[in-house]
PDB file of N, CA and C in Angstrom:
ATOM      1  N   MET A   1     -31.346  -6.499 -20.018  1.00  0.00           N
ATOM      2  CA  MET A   1     -30.492  -7.929 -20.246  1.00  0.00           C
ATOM      3  C   MET A   1     -31.149  -8.314 -19.643  1.00  0.00           C
ATOM      4  N   GLU A   2     -31.478  -9.964 -20.729  1.00  0.00           N
ATOM      5  CA  GLU A   2     -32.116 -10.821 -20.537  1.00  0.00           C
ATOM      6  C   GLU A   2     -32.472 -12.088 -19.703  1.00  0.00           C
ATOM      7  N   ARG A   3     -33.347 -11.831 -18.518  1.00  0.00           N
ATOM      8  CA  ARG A   3     -32.499 -13.096 -17.012  1.00  0.00           C
ATOM      9  C   ARG A   3     -33.327 -14.554 -17.786  1.00  0.00           C
ATOM     10  N   GLN A   4     -32.404 -15.348 -17.143  1.00  0.00           N
ATOM     11  CA  GLN A   4     -32.478 -16.696 -17.421  1.00  0.00           C
ATOM     12  C   GLN A   4     -33.017 -17.193 -16.392  1.00  0.00           C
ATOM     13  N   ARG A   5     -34.182 -17.877 -16.719  1.00  0.00           N
ATOM     14  CA  ARG A   5     -35.292 -18.812 -14.889  1.00  0.00           C
ATOM     15  C   ARG A   5     -33.992 -19.745 -14.526  1.00  0.00           C
ATOM     16  N   ARG A   6     -33.661 -20.030 -13.266  1.00  0.00           N
ATOM     17  CA  ARG A   6     -33.451 -20.816 -12.554  1.00  0.00           C
ATOM     18  C   ARG A   6     -33.796 -21.799 -11.990  1.00  0.00           C
ATOM     19  N   SER A   7     -33.163 -22.691 -12.106  1.00  0.00           N
ATOM     20  CA  SER A   7     -33.796 -24.425 -11.952  1.00  0.00           C
ATOM     21  C   SER A   7     -33.308 -25.181 -10.303  1.00  0.00           C
ATOM     22  N   PHE A   8     -33.665 -25.184  -9.317  1.00  0.00           N
ATOM     23  CA  PHE A   8     -33.027 -25.936  -8.086  1.00  0.00           C
ATOM     24  C   PHE A   8     -33.505 -27.688  -7.924  1.00  0.00           C
ATOM     25  N   THR A   9     -32.511 -27.989  -7.921  1.00  0.00           N
ATOM     26  CA  THR A   9     -32.780 -29.549  -7.035  1.00  0.00           C
ATOM     27  C   THR A   9     -33.907 -29.441  -6.402  1.00  0.00           C
ATOM     28  N   GLU A  10     -34.400 -30.762  -6.210  1.00  0.00           N
ATOM     29  CA  GLU A  10     -35.755 -31.638  -4.884  1.00  0.00           C
ATOM     30  C   GLU A  10     -34.598 -30.381  -3.263  1.00  0.00           C
ATOM     31  N   GLU A  11     -33.433 -31.404  -3.602  1.00  0.00           N
ATOM     32  CA  GLU A  11     -32.650 -31.273  -2.238  1.00  0.00           C
ATOM     33  C   GLU A  11     -32.460 -29.817  -1.688  1.00  0.00           C
ATOM     34  N   TYR A  12     -32.119 -29.065  -2.992  1.00  0.00           N
ATOM     35  CA  TYR A  12     -31.674 -27.345  -2.596  1.00  0.00           C
ATOM     36  C   TYR A  12     -32.834 -26.588  -1.510  1.00  0.00           C
ATOM     37  N   LYS A  13     -34.151 -27.374  -2.581  1.00  0.00           N
ATOM     38  CA  LYS A  13     -35.474 -26.598  -1.945  1.00  0.00           C
ATOM     39  C   LYS A  13     -35.780 -27.380  -1.001  1.00  0.00           C
ATOM     40  N   ARG A  14     -35.334 -28.501  -0.591  1.00  0.00           N
ATOM     41  CA  ARG A  14     -35.705 -29.000   0.859  1.00  0.00           C
ATOM     42  C   ARG A  14     -34.867 -28.677   1.528  1.00  0.00           C
ATOM     43  N   GLN A  15     -33.452 -28.366   1.181  1.00  0.00           N
ATOM     44  CA  GLN A  15     -32.442 -27.276   2.783  1.00  0.00           C
ATOM     45  C   GLN A  15     -32.897 -26.516   2.975  1.00  0.00           C
ATOM     46  N   ALA A  16     -32.932 -25.570   1.818  1.00  0.00           N
ATOM     47  CA  ALA A  16     -33.364 -24.700   2.623  1.00  0.00           C
ATOM     48  C   ALA A  16     -35.321 -24.091   2.441  1.00  0.00           C
ATOM     49  N   ALA A  17     -36.198 -25.447   2.980  1.00  0.00           N
ATOM     50  CA  ALA A  17     -37.291 -24.892   3.418  1.00  0.00           C
ATOM     51  C   ALA A  17     -36.780 -25.450   4.924  1.00  0.00           C
ATOM     52  N   GLU A  18     -36.092 -26.293   4.774  1.00  0.00           N
ATOM     53  CA  GLU A  18     -36.241 -26.539   6.319  1.00  0.00           C
ATOM     54  C   GLU A  18     -34.673 -26.060   7.293  1.00  0.00           C
ATOM     55  N   LEU A  19     -34.108 -24.741   6.454  1.00  0.00           N
ATOM     56  CA  LEU A  19     -33.825 -24.116   7.023  1.00  0.00           C
ATOM     57  C   LEU A  19     -34.385 -22.604   8.122  1.00  0.00           C
ATOM     58  N   VAL A  20     -35.705 -22.326   7.218  1.00  0.00           N
ATOM     59  CA  VAL A  20     -36.538 -21.357   7.780  1.00  0.00           C
ATOM     60  C   VAL A  20     -37.319 -22.643   8.733  1.00  0.00           C
ATOM     61  N   VAL A  21     -37.625 -23.541   8.751  1.00  0.00           N
ATOM     62  CA  VAL A  21     -38.513 -24.494   9.589  1.00  0.00           C
ATOM     63  C   VAL A  21     -37.387 -24.815  10.772  1.00  0.00           C
ATOM     64  N   SER A  22     -36.259 -24.957  10.707  1.00  0.00           N
ATOM     65  CA  SER A  22     -35.871 -25.655  11.679  1.00  0.00           C
ATOM     66  C   SER A  22     -35.291 -24.312  12.206  1.00  0.00           C
ATOM     67  N   SER A  23     -34.747 -23.296  11.922  1.00  0.00           N
ATOM     68  CA  SER A  23     -33.657 -22.323  12.907  1.00  0.00           C
ATOM     69  C   SER A  23     -34.843 -21.040  13.121  1.00  0.00           C
ATOM     70  N   GLY A  24     -36.474 -21.129  12.637  1.00  0.00           N
ATOM     71  CA  GLY A  24     -37.240 -19.805  13.297  1.00  0.00           C
ATOM     72  C   GLY A  24     -37.221 -19.140  12.584  1.00  0.00           C
ATOM     73  N   ARG A  25     -36.025 -18.383  11.977  1.00  0.00           N
ATOM     74  CA  ARG A  25     -35.496 -17.721  10.735  1.00  0.00           C
ATOM     75  C   ARG A  25     -37.070 -17.096  10.183  1.00  0.00           C
ATOM     76  N   SER A  26     -37.245 -16.005  10.035  1.00  0.00           N
ATOM     77  CA  SER A  26     -38.118 -15.554   8.576  1.00  0.00           C
ATOM     78  C   SER A  26     -37.863 -15.807   7.095  1.00  0.00           C
ATOM     79  N   ILE A  27     -38.839 -16.616   6.258  1.00  0.00           N
ATOM     80  CA  ILE A  27     -38.995 -16.919   4.847  1.00  0.00           C
ATOM     81  C   ILE A  27     -38.152 -15.387   4.282  1.00  0.00           C
ATOM     82  N   GLY A  28     -38.767 -14.369   4.678  1.00  0.00           N
ATOM     83  CA  GLY A  28     -37.869 -13.548   3.925  1.00  0.00           C
ATOM     84  C   GLY A  28     -36.421 -13.058   4.508  1.00  0.00           C
ATOM     85  N   SER A  29     -36.274 -13.566   5.727  1.00  0.00           N
ATOM     86  CA  SER A  29     -34.735 -13.313   5.395  1.00  0.00           C
ATOM     87  C   SER A  29     -33.878 -14.135   5.086  1.00  0.00           C
ATOM     88  N   VAL A  30     -34.338 -15.579   5.180  1.00  0.00           N
ATOM     89  CA  VAL A  30     -33.674 -16.484   4.695  1.00  0.00           C
ATOM     90  C   VAL A  30     -33.699 -16.653   3.047  1.00  0.00           C
ATOM     91  N   ALA A  31     -35.096 -15.907   2.721  1.00  0.00           N
ATOM     92  CA  ALA A  31     -35.339 -15.915   0.888  1.00  0.00           C
ATOM     93  C   ALA A  31     -34.071 -14.513   0.398  1.00  0.00           C
ATOM     94  N   LYS A  32     -34.106 -13.782   0.906  1.00  0.00           N
ATOM     95  CA  LYS A  32     -32.958 -12.778   1.573  1.00  0.00           C
ATOM     96  C   LYS A  32     -31.785 -13.185   1.090  1.00  0.00           C
ATOM     97  N   GLU A  33     -31.513 -14.134   2.223  1.00  0.00           N
ATOM     98  CA  GLU A  33     -29.777 -14.585   2.497  1.00  0.00           C
ATOM     99  C   GLU A  33     -29.616 -15.351   0.823  1.00  0.00           C
ATOM    100  N   LEU A  34     -29.922 -16.097   0.525  1.00  0.00           N
ATOM    101  CA  LEU A  34     -30.201 -17.408  -0.549  1.00  0.00           C
ATOM    102  C   LEU A  34     -30.498 -16.827  -2.007  1.00  0.00           C
ATOM    103  N   GLY A  35     -30.352 -15.394  -2.186  1.00  0.00           N
ATOM    104  CA  GLY A  35     -30.952 -14.847  -2.987  1.00  0.00           C
ATOM    105  C   GLY A  35     -32.424 -15.532  -4.192  1.00  0.00           C
ATOM    106  N   LEU A  36     -33.527 -15.877  -2.959  1.00  0.00           N
ATOM    107  CA  LEU A  36     -34.407 -16.197  -3.402  1.00  0.00           C
ATOM    108  C   LEU A  36     -35.571 -14.832  -3.142  1.00  0.00           C
ATOM    109  N   ARG A  37     -36.919 -15.832  -3.916  1.00  0.00           N
ATOM    110  CA  ARG A  37     -38.294 -14.791  -3.770  1.00  0.00           C
ATOM    111  C   ARG A  37     -38.806 -14.588  -2.521  1.00  0.00           C
ATOM    112  N   ASP A  38     -39.332 -14.149  -1.928  1.00  0.00           N
ATOM    113  CA  ASP A  38     -40.289 -14.418  -0.786  1.00  0.00           C
ATOM    114  C   ASP A  38     -41.350 -15.874  -1.244  1.00  0.00           C
ATOM    115  N   SER A  39     -41.604 -15.560  -2.567  1.00  0.00           N
ATOM    116  CA  SER A  39     -42.949 -16.626  -2.485  1.00  0.00           C
ATOM    117  C   SER A  39     -42.217 -17.413  -3.601  1.00  0.00           C
ATOM    118  N   VAL A  40     -41.651 -17.977  -3.539  1.00  0.00           N
ATOM    119  CA  VAL A  40     -40.689 -19.401  -3.838  1.00  0.00           C
ATOM    120  C   VAL A  40     -40.236 -20.279  -2.731  1.00  0.00           C
ATOM    121  N   LEU A  41     -39.584 -19.266  -1.722  1.00  0.00           N
ATOM    122  CA  LEU A  41     -39.294 -20.127  -0.119  1.00  0.00           C
ATOM    123  C   LEU A  41     -40.494 -20.310   0.741  1.00  0.00           C
ATOM    124  N   ARG A  42     -41.503 -19.529   0.060  1.00  0.00           N
ATOM    125  CA  ARG A  42     -42.786 -19.467   1.202  1.00  0.00           C
ATOM    126  C   ARG A  42     -43.921 -21.392   0.379  1.00  0.00           C
ATOM    127  N   ARG A  43     -43.585 -21.295  -0.953  1.00  0.00           N
ATOM    128  CA  ARG A  43     -44.103 -22.662  -0.892  1.00  0.00           C
ATOM    129  C   ARG A  43     -43.491 -23.640  -1.151  1.00  0.00           C
ATOM    130  N   TRP A  44     -42.029 -23.348  -0.880  1.00  0.00           N
ATOM    131  CA  TRP A  44     -41.052 -24.730  -0.489  1.00  0.00           C
ATOM    132  C   TRP A  44     -41.098 -24.715   1.124  1.00  0.00           C
ATOM    133  N   VAL A  45     -41.445 -23.471   2.109  1.00  0.00           N
ATOM    134  CA  VAL A  45     -41.753 -24.201   3.566  1.00  0.00           C
ATOM    135  C   VAL A  45     -43.327 -25.463   3.375  1.00  0.00           C
ATOM    136  N   ASP A  46     -43.882 -24.160   2.706  1.00  0.00           N
ATOM    137  CA  ASP A  46     -45.276 -24.841   2.588  1.00  0.00           C
ATOM    138  C   ASP A  46     -45.969 -26.208   2.084  1.00  0.00           C
ATOM    139  N   LYS A  47     -45.295 -26.575   0.942  1.00  0.00           N
ATOM    140  CA  LYS A  47     -44.682 -28.136   0.943  1.00  0.00           C
ATOM    141  C   LYS A  47     -44.154 -29.374   1.518  1.00  0.00           C
ATOM    142  N   LEU A  48     -43.019 -29.056   2.309  1.00  0.00           N
ATOM    143  CA  LEU A  48     -42.526 -29.377   3.616  1.00  0.00           C
ATOM    144  C   LEU A  48     -43.083 -29.176   5.036  1.00  0.00           C
ATOM    145  N   ARG A  49     -43.718 -28.396   4.755  1.00  0.00           N
ATOM    146  CA  ARG A  49     -44.513 -28.884   6.360  1.00  0.00           C
ATOM    147  C   ARG A  49     -46.038 -29.053   6.109  1.00  0.00           C
ATOM    148  N   GLN A  50     -46.545 -29.289   4.657  1.00  0.00           N
ATOM    149  CA  GLN A  50     -47.712 -30.456   4.392  1.00  0.00           C
ATOM    150  C   GLN A  50     -47.318 -32.079   3.892  1.00  0.00           C
ATOM    151  N   GLU A  51     -45.894 -31.847   3.757  1.00  0.00           N
ATOM    152  CA  GLU A  51     -45.744 -33.324   3.755  1.00  0.00           C
ATOM    153  C   GLU A  51     -43.794 -33.516   4.156  1.00  0.00           C
ATOM    154  N   PRO A  52     -43.922 -33.733   5.499  1.00  0.00           N
ATOM    155  CA  PRO A  52     -42.525 -34.024   5.565  1.00  0.00           C
ATOM    156  C   PRO A  52     -41.706 -35.643   5.441  1.00  0.00           C
ATOM    157  N   ALA A  53     -42.349 -36.110   5.178  1.00  0.00           N
ATOM    158  CA  ALA A  53     -41.929 -37.754   4.888  1.00  0.00           C
ATOM    159  C   ALA A  53     -42.086 -37.640   3.950  1.00  0.00           C
ATOM    160  N   SER A  54     -42.544 -36.981   2.736  1.00  0.00           N
ATOM    161  CA  SER A  54     -42.873 -36.735   1.256  1.00  0.00           C
ATOM    162  C   SER A  54     -41.917 -37.493   0.494  1.00  0.00           C
ATOM    163  N   ALA A  55     -42.033 -38.690  -0.426  1.00  0.00           N
ATOM    164  CA  ALA A  55     -41.363 -39.000  -1.425  1.00  0.00           C
ATOM    165  C   ALA A  55     -40.647 -38.121  -2.071  1.00  0.00           C
ATOM    166  N   ALA A  56     -41.365 -36.593  -2.684  1.00  0.00           N
ATOM    167  CA  ALA A  56     -40.860 -34.973  -3.363  1.00  0.00           C
ATOM    168  C   ALA A  56     -39.484 -34.756  -2.781  1.00  0.00           C
ATOM    169  N   TRP A  57     -39.102 -34.951  -0.756  1.00  0.00           N
ATOM    170  CA  TRP A  57     -38.539 -34.479  -0.463  1.00  0.00           C
ATOM    171  C   TRP A  57     -37.296 -35.390  -0.506  1.00  0.00           C
ATOM    172  N   ARG A  58     -37.336 -37.121  -0.306  1.00  0.00           N
ATOM    173  CA  ARG A  58     -36.731 -37.694  -0.055  1.00  0.00           C
ATOM    174  C   ARG A  58     -35.437 -37.292  -1.057  1.00  0.00           C
ATOM    175  N   SER A  59     -34.435 -37.422  -0.468  1.00  0.00           N
ATOM    176  CA  SER A  59     -33.326 -37.175  -1.557  1.00  0.00           C
ATOM    177  C   SER A  59     -32.550 -38.729  -1.509  1.00  0.00           C
ATOM    178  N   THR A  60     -31.986 -38.820  -2.230  1.00  0.00           N
ATOM    179  CA  THR A  60     -31.185 -40.848  -3.104  1.00  0.00           C
ATOM    180  C   THR A  60     -30.472 -40.559  -2.170  1.00  0.00           C
ATOM    181  N   THR A  61     -29.469 -39.887  -1.375  1.00  0.00           N
ATOM    182  CA  THR A  61     -28.557 -39.586  -1.046  1.00  0.00           C
ATOM    183  C   THR A  61     -28.915 -38.692   0.566  1.00  0.00           C
ATOM    184  N   GLN A  62     -28.056 -39.204   1.142  1.00  0.00           N
ATOM    185  CA  GLN A  62     -28.642 -38.839   2.921  1.00  0.00           C
ATOM    186  C   GLN A  62     -26.890 -37.863   2.779  1.00  0.00           C
ATOM    187  N   ALA A  63     -27.612 -36.728   2.386  1.00  0.00           N
ATOM    188  CA  ALA A  63     -26.903 -34.954   2.536  1.00  0.00           C
ATOM    189  C   ALA A  63     -26.841 -34.589   3.658  1.00  0.00           C
ATOM    190  N   THR A  64     -25.860 -33.504   4.384  1.00  0.00           N
ATOM    191  CA  THR A  64     -25.851 -33.217   5.155  1.00  0.00           C
ATOM    192  C   THR A  64     -26.757 -32.032   5.374  1.00  0.00           C
ATOM    193  N   PRO A  65     -27.491 -30.996   5.502  1.00  0.00           N
ATOM    194  CA  PRO A  65     -27.918 -30.101   5.481  1.00  0.00           C
ATOM    195  C   PRO A  65     -27.457 -28.887   5.354  1.00  0.00           C
ATOM    196  N   MET A  66     -27.279 -27.865   4.381  1.00  0.00           N
ATOM    197  CA  MET A  66     -26.409 -26.829   4.495  1.00  0.00           C
ATOM    198  C   MET A  66     -26.751 -25.628   5.902  1.00  0.00           C
ATOM    199  N   SER A  67     -25.721 -25.563   6.320  1.00  0.00           N
ATOM    200  CA  SER A  67     -25.760 -24.764   7.437  1.00  0.00           C
ATOM    201  C   SER A  67     -25.780 -22.957   6.858  1.00  0.00           C
ATOM    202  N   ALA A  68     -25.809 -22.429   7.977  1.00  0.00           N
ATOM    203  CA  ALA A  68     -25.796 -20.904   7.357  1.00  0.00           C
ATOM    204  C   ALA A  68     -25.315 -20.399   6.863  1.00  0.00           C
ATOM    205  N   ASP A  69     -23.615 -20.953   7.105  1.00  0.00           N
ATOM    206  CA  ASP A  69     -22.419 -19.904   6.848  1.00  0.00           C
ATOM    207  C   ASP A  69     -22.386 -20.419   5.289  1.00  0.00           C
ATOM    208  N   GLN A  70     -23.145 -21.970   4.443  1.00  0.00           N
ATOM    209  CA  GLN A  70     -23.020 -22.539   3.292  1.00  0.00           C
ATOM    210  C   GLN A  70     -23.876 -21.653   2.949  1.00  0.00           C
ATOM    211  N   ALA A  71     -25.504 -21.561   3.403  1.00  0.00           N
ATOM    212  CA  ALA A  71     -26.134 -20.487   2.710  1.00  0.00           C
ATOM    213  C   ALA A  71     -25.631 -19.110   2.185  1.00  0.00           C
ATOM    214  N   SER A  72     -25.249 -18.477   3.275  1.00  0.00           N
ATOM    215  CA  SER A  72     -24.647 -17.396   2.558  1.00  0.00           C
ATOM    216  C   SER A  72     -23.714 -17.126   1.838  1.00  0.00           C
ATOM    217  N   GLU A  73     -22.778 -18.155   1.769  1.00  0.00           N
ATOM    218  CA  GLU A  73     -21.502 -18.371   0.843  1.00  0.00           C
ATOM    219  C   GLU A  73     -21.915 -18.027  -0.689  1.00  0.00           C
ATOM    220  N   ILE A  74     -22.956 -18.938  -0.813  1.00  0.00           N
ATOM    221  CA  ILE A  74     -23.802 -19.430  -1.844  1.00  0.00           C
ATOM    222  C   ILE A  74     -24.222 -17.974  -2.552  1.00  0.00           C
ATOM    223  N   SER A  75     -25.277 -17.457  -1.225  1.00  0.00           N
ATOM    224  CA  SER A  75     -26.009 -16.360  -1.629  1.00  0.00           C
ATOM    225  C   SER A  75     -24.647 -15.027  -2.290  1.00  0.00           C
ATOM    226  N   ARG A  76     -23.506 -14.866  -1.992  1.00  0.00           N
ATOM    227  CA  ARG A  76     -22.894 -14.036  -2.018  1.00  0.00           C
ATOM    228  C   ARG A  76     -21.996 -14.782  -3.611  1.00  0.00           C
ATOM    229  N   LEU A  77     -21.658 -15.523  -3.731  1.00  0.00           N
ATOM    230  CA  LEU A  77     -21.181 -15.461  -4.507  1.00  0.00           C
ATOM    231  C   LEU A  77     -22.098 -15.910  -6.429  1.00  0.00           C
ATOM    232  N   ARG A  78     -23.666 -15.865  -5.926  1.00  0.00           N
ATOM    233  CA  ARG A  78     -24.640 -15.705  -6.679  1.00  0.00           C
ATOM    234  C   ARG A  78     -24.214 -14.310  -6.990  1.00  0.00           C
ATOM    235  N   GLN A  79     -24.802 -13.322  -6.384  1.00  0.00           N
ATOM    236  CA  GLN A  79     -24.441 -11.580  -6.135  1.00  0.00           C
ATOM    237  C   GLN A  79     -23.072 -11.190  -7.440  1.00  0.00           C
ATOM    238  N   GLU A  80     -22.242 -12.243  -6.486  1.00  0.00           N
ATOM    239  CA  GLU A  80     -21.551 -11.923  -7.324  1.00  0.00           C
ATOM    240  C   GLU A  80     -21.029 -12.326  -9.140  1.00  0.00           C
ATOM    241  N   ASN A  81     -21.447 -13.475  -9.300  1.00  0.00           N
ATOM    242  CA  ASN A  81     -21.854 -13.963 -10.306  1.00  0.00           C
ATOM    243  C   ASN A  81     -22.734 -13.338 -11.821  1.00  0.00           C
ATOM    244  N   GLU A  82     -23.719 -12.819 -10.652  1.00  0.00           N
ATOM    245  CA  GLU A  82     -24.861 -11.945 -11.432  1.00  0.00           C
ATOM    246  C   GLU A  82     -23.874 -10.398 -11.856  1.00  0.00           C
ATOM    247  N   ARG A  83     -23.174 -10.025 -10.891  1.00  0.00           N
ATOM    248  CA  ARG A  83     -22.377  -8.650 -10.988  1.00  0.00           C
ATOM    249  C   ARG A  83     -21.016  -8.934 -12.407  1.00  0.00           C
ATOM    250  N   LEU A  84     -21.055 -10.164 -12.185  1.00  0.00           N
ATOM    251  CA  LEU A  84     -19.510 -10.346 -13.003  1.00  0.00           C
ATOM    252  C   LEU A  84     -20.220 -10.527 -14.680  1.00  0.00           C
ATOM    253  N   ARG A  85     -21.638 -10.956 -14.685  1.00  0.00           N
ATOM    254  CA  ARG A  85     -22.037 -11.362 -15.896  1.00  0.00           C
ATOM    255  C   ARG A  85     -22.878 -10.051 -16.782  1.00  0.00           C
ATOM    256  N   MET A  86     -22.815  -8.931 -15.541  1.00  0.00           N
ATOM    257  CA  MET A  86     -23.572  -7.234 -16.088  1.00  0.00           C
ATOM    258  C   MET A  86     -22.337  -6.926 -16.288  1.00  0.00           C
ATOM    259  N   GLU A  87     -20.564  -6.873 -16.059  1.00  0.00           N
ATOM    260  CA  GLU A  87     -19.834  -6.147 -16.277  1.00  0.00           C
ATOM    261  C   GLU A  87     -19.128  -6.951 -17.693  1.00  0.00           C
ATOM    262  N   ARG A  88     -19.102  -8.248 -17.986  1.00  0.00           N
ATOM    263  CA  ARG A  88     -18.662  -9.175 -18.949  1.00  0.00           C
ATOM    264  C   ARG A  88     -19.957  -8.015 -20.320  1.00  0.00           C
ATOM    265  N   ASP A  89     -20.764  -8.193 -20.120  1.00  0.00           N
ATOM    266  CA  ASP A  89     -21.562  -7.998 -20.919  1.00  0.00           C
ATOM    267  C   ASP A  89     -21.869  -6.482 -21.655  1.00  0.00           C
ATOM    268  N   ILE A  90     -20.971  -5.160 -20.819  1.00  0.00           N
ATOM    269  CA  ILE A  90     -20.787  -4.216 -21.191  1.00  0.00           C
ATOM    270  C   ILE A  90     -19.929  -4.000 -21.712  1.00  0.00           C
ATOM    271  N   LEU A  91     -19.079  -4.668 -21.194  1.00  0.00           N
ATOM    272  CA  LEU A  91     -17.660  -5.205 -21.700  1.00  0.00           C
ATOM    273  C   LEU A  91     -17.383  -5.438 -23.616  1.00  0.00           C
ATOM    274  N   LYS A  92     -18.343  -5.971 -23.793  1.00  0.00           N
ATOM    275  CA  LYS A  92     -18.538  -6.833 -24.976  1.00  0.00           C
ATOM    276  C   LYS A  92     -19.537  -5.803 -25.821  1.00  0.00           C
ATOM    277  N   LYS A  93     -20.115  -4.919 -25.048  1.00  0.00           N
ATOM    278  CA  LYS A  93     -20.628  -3.530 -26.097  1.00  0.00           C
ATOM    279  C   LYS A  93     -20.086  -2.910 -26.561  1.00  0.00           C
ATOM    280  N   SER A  94     -19.089  -2.337 -25.443  1.00  0.00           N
ATOM    281  CA  SER A  94     -18.472  -1.836 -25.638  1.00  0.00           C
ATOM    282  C   SER A  94     -17.235  -2.005 -26.939  1.00  0.00           C
ATOM    283  N   ILE A  95     -16.184  -2.908 -26.672  1.00  0.00           N
ATOM    284  CA  ILE A  95     -15.968  -3.162 -28.153  1.00  0.00           C
ATOM    285  C   ILE A  95     -16.578  -3.762 -28.929  1.00  0.00           C
ATOM    286  N   ALA A  96     -17.762  -3.718 -29.399  1.00  0.00           N
ATOM    287  CA  ALA A  96     -18.516  -3.709 -30.576  1.00  0.00           C
ATOM    288  C   ALA A  96     -18.231  -2.329 -30.977  1.00  0.00           C
ATOM    289  N   ILE A  97     -18.654  -1.801 -30.480  1.00  0.00           N
ATOM    290  CA  ILE A  97     -18.938  -0.230 -30.102  1.00  0.00           C
ATOM    291  C   ILE A  97     -17.543   0.305 -30.580  1.00  0.00           C
ATOM    292  N   PHE A  98     -16.883   0.162 -29.930  1.00  0.00           N
ATOM    293  CA  PHE A  98     -15.281   0.765 -30.733  1.00  0.00           C
ATOM    294  C   PHE A  98     -14.892  -0.111 -31.456  1.00  0.00           C
ATOM    295  N   ALA A  99     -15.101  -1.559 -32.394  1.00  0.00           N
ATOM    296  CA  ALA A  99     -14.580  -1.786 -33.317  1.00  0.00           C
ATOM    297  C   ALA A  99     -15.709  -1.624 -34.582  1.00  0.00           C
ATOM    298  N   GLY A 100     -16.758  -1.031 -34.334  1.00  0.00           N
ATOM    299  CA  GLY A 100     -17.310  -0.290 -35.446  1.00  0.00           C
ATOM    300  C   GLY A 100     -19.161  -1.393 -36.100  1.00  0.00           C
ATOM    301  N   THR A 101     -19.285  -2.151 -34.958  1.00  0.00           N
ATOM    302  CA  THR A 101     -20.118  -3.319 -35.459  1.00  0.00           C
ATOM    303  C   THR A 101     -20.772  -3.415 -34.032  1.00  0.00           C
ATOM    304  N   ARG A 102     -22.169  -3.605 -34.023  1.00  0.00           N
ATOM    305  CA  ARG A 102     -23.608  -3.507 -33.078  1.00  0.00           C
ATOM    306  C   ARG A 102     -23.401  -4.897 -33.363  1.00  0.00           C
ATOM    307  N   THR A 103     -24.229  -5.073 -31.861  1.00  0.00           N
ATOM    308  CA  THR A 103     -24.532  -6.593 -31.728  1.00  0.00           C
ATOM    309  C   THR A 103     -25.812  -6.670 -30.856  1.00  0.00           C
TER     310      THR A 103
END
């Protein structure tokens, strides 16, 4: 199965990095909760620590930071989406096999 590259908004990156910095939790635990790789989240945290007032992190709207509950819900939904995509792909292939064509 081909894996698509995910892209994240600057606001999401900032909120994820702030979740690590403000809560004092480890990068690994937050990354796992959000469904990210440790190295990706570590880069975001390093960027936040180096340039906390940088325009690159400044959002155009003043959104409230994502709570831990919201982050865990997003993570759960991402995992569910991945499982459902895999199930869909399996069903597509089985239909093609029973129909006599291969896709």
